[in-house]
Protein backbone atom coordinates (compact mmCIF):
# COMPACT_ATOMS: atom_id res chain seq x y z
CA MET A 1 8.69 -76.95 -38.35
CA ALA A 2 9.99 -74.06 -36.26
CA ALA A 3 10.79 -70.78 -38.00
CA ALA A 4 14.50 -71.13 -37.14
CA GLU A 5 14.60 -74.62 -38.65
CA ARG A 6 12.77 -73.43 -41.76
CA GLY A 7 15.26 -70.55 -42.14
CA ALA A 8 18.22 -72.91 -41.87
CA THR A 9 16.72 -75.18 -44.51
CA ASP A 10 16.02 -72.23 -46.77
CA ARG A 11 19.65 -71.09 -46.60
CA ARG A 12 20.90 -74.50 -47.72
CA VAL A 13 18.70 -74.51 -50.83
CA ILE A 14 19.12 -70.85 -51.78
CA PRO A 15 21.90 -71.47 -54.34
CA ALA A 16 19.74 -73.94 -56.26
CA LEU A 17 16.69 -71.70 -56.09
CA PHE A 18 18.69 -68.63 -57.07
CA ALA A 19 20.15 -70.48 -60.07
CA SER A 20 16.61 -71.12 -61.34
CA LEU A 21 15.86 -67.38 -61.62
CA THR A 22 16.03 -65.53 -64.91
CA ALA A 23 18.48 -62.66 -65.33
CA ARG A 24 15.57 -60.18 -65.18
CA GLU A 25 14.21 -61.77 -62.00
CA LYS A 26 17.65 -61.40 -60.41
CA GLU A 27 17.72 -57.72 -61.43
CA VAL A 28 14.25 -57.13 -59.98
CA LEU A 29 15.16 -59.02 -56.81
CA GLY A 30 18.24 -56.87 -56.30
CA LEU A 31 16.34 -53.62 -56.80
CA LEU A 32 13.40 -54.58 -54.59
CA ALA A 33 15.67 -55.92 -51.87
CA ALA A 34 17.60 -52.64 -51.95
CA GLY A 35 14.36 -50.82 -51.18
CA SER A 36 13.21 -49.64 -54.60
CA THR A 37 9.49 -49.46 -55.27
CA ALA A 38 7.93 -51.13 -58.30
CA ARG A 39 7.73 -47.73 -59.97
CA GLU A 40 11.39 -46.91 -59.25
CA SER A 41 12.52 -50.36 -60.37
CA SER A 42 10.48 -50.12 -63.56
CA ALA A 43 12.02 -46.76 -64.46
CA GLN A 44 15.51 -48.14 -63.91
CA LEU A 45 14.85 -51.28 -65.96
CA GLY A 46 12.76 -49.67 -68.71
CA ILE A 47 9.71 -51.84 -68.04
CA SER A 48 6.25 -51.12 -66.63
CA PRO A 49 5.54 -51.14 -62.88
CA ARG A 50 3.04 -53.94 -63.50
CA THR A 51 5.81 -56.06 -65.04
CA VAL A 52 7.95 -55.49 -61.93
CA GLU A 53 4.98 -56.58 -59.80
CA PHE A 54 4.60 -59.68 -61.99
CA HIS A 55 8.31 -60.52 -61.51
CA ARG A 56 7.98 -59.90 -57.75
CA GLU A 57 5.10 -62.38 -57.50
CA ASN A 58 7.01 -64.94 -59.59
CA LEU A 59 10.03 -64.49 -57.33
CA LYS A 60 7.94 -65.04 -54.22
CA GLU A 61 6.43 -68.19 -55.70
CA LYS A 62 9.72 -69.61 -57.02
CA LEU A 63 11.57 -68.89 -53.79
CA GLY A 64 8.72 -69.99 -51.54
CA VAL A 65 8.42 -66.74 -49.60
CA ARG A 66 5.56 -64.40 -48.73
CA SER A 67 7.16 -61.02 -48.17
CA ILE A 68 9.68 -58.52 -49.45
CA ALA A 69 11.59 -58.99 -46.18
CA GLU A 70 12.08 -62.67 -47.00
CA LEU A 71 13.13 -61.76 -50.55
CA THR A 72 15.65 -59.34 -49.07
CA ARG A 73 17.11 -62.05 -46.84
CA ILE A 74 17.51 -64.31 -49.87
CA ALA A 75 19.14 -61.49 -51.85
CA ILE A 76 21.63 -60.97 -49.03
CA ASP A 77 22.31 -64.72 -48.71
CA ALA A 78 22.81 -64.90 -52.50
CA GLY A 79 25.29 -62.02 -52.42
CA LEU A 80 23.14 -59.48 -54.27
CA LEU A 81 23.31 -57.07 -51.33
CA PRO A 82 25.83 -56.61 -48.56
CA ALA A 83 24.43 -57.65 -45.17
CA ALA A 84 24.78 -54.04 -43.92
CA ALA A 85 22.23 -52.89 -46.55
CA ALA A 86 19.42 -54.77 -44.83
């Protein structure tokens, strides 16, 4: 499947995938997509950097992506970030 086709498919299923995330995963997704590091995110959320990394890996697995850039696209599509923030 071409990358453009895969992206179009991903956008159609984002609402269902996003709904499967925990509240904490959504918080971590928003912070990481906005450019925060694991350390910065952990300080803001009151958890350890390793826990943020654990959430990041769970997010990537649940959402079927491999990079922070792809997570950011999903966060924008889900309305967590304005498109101009990317």
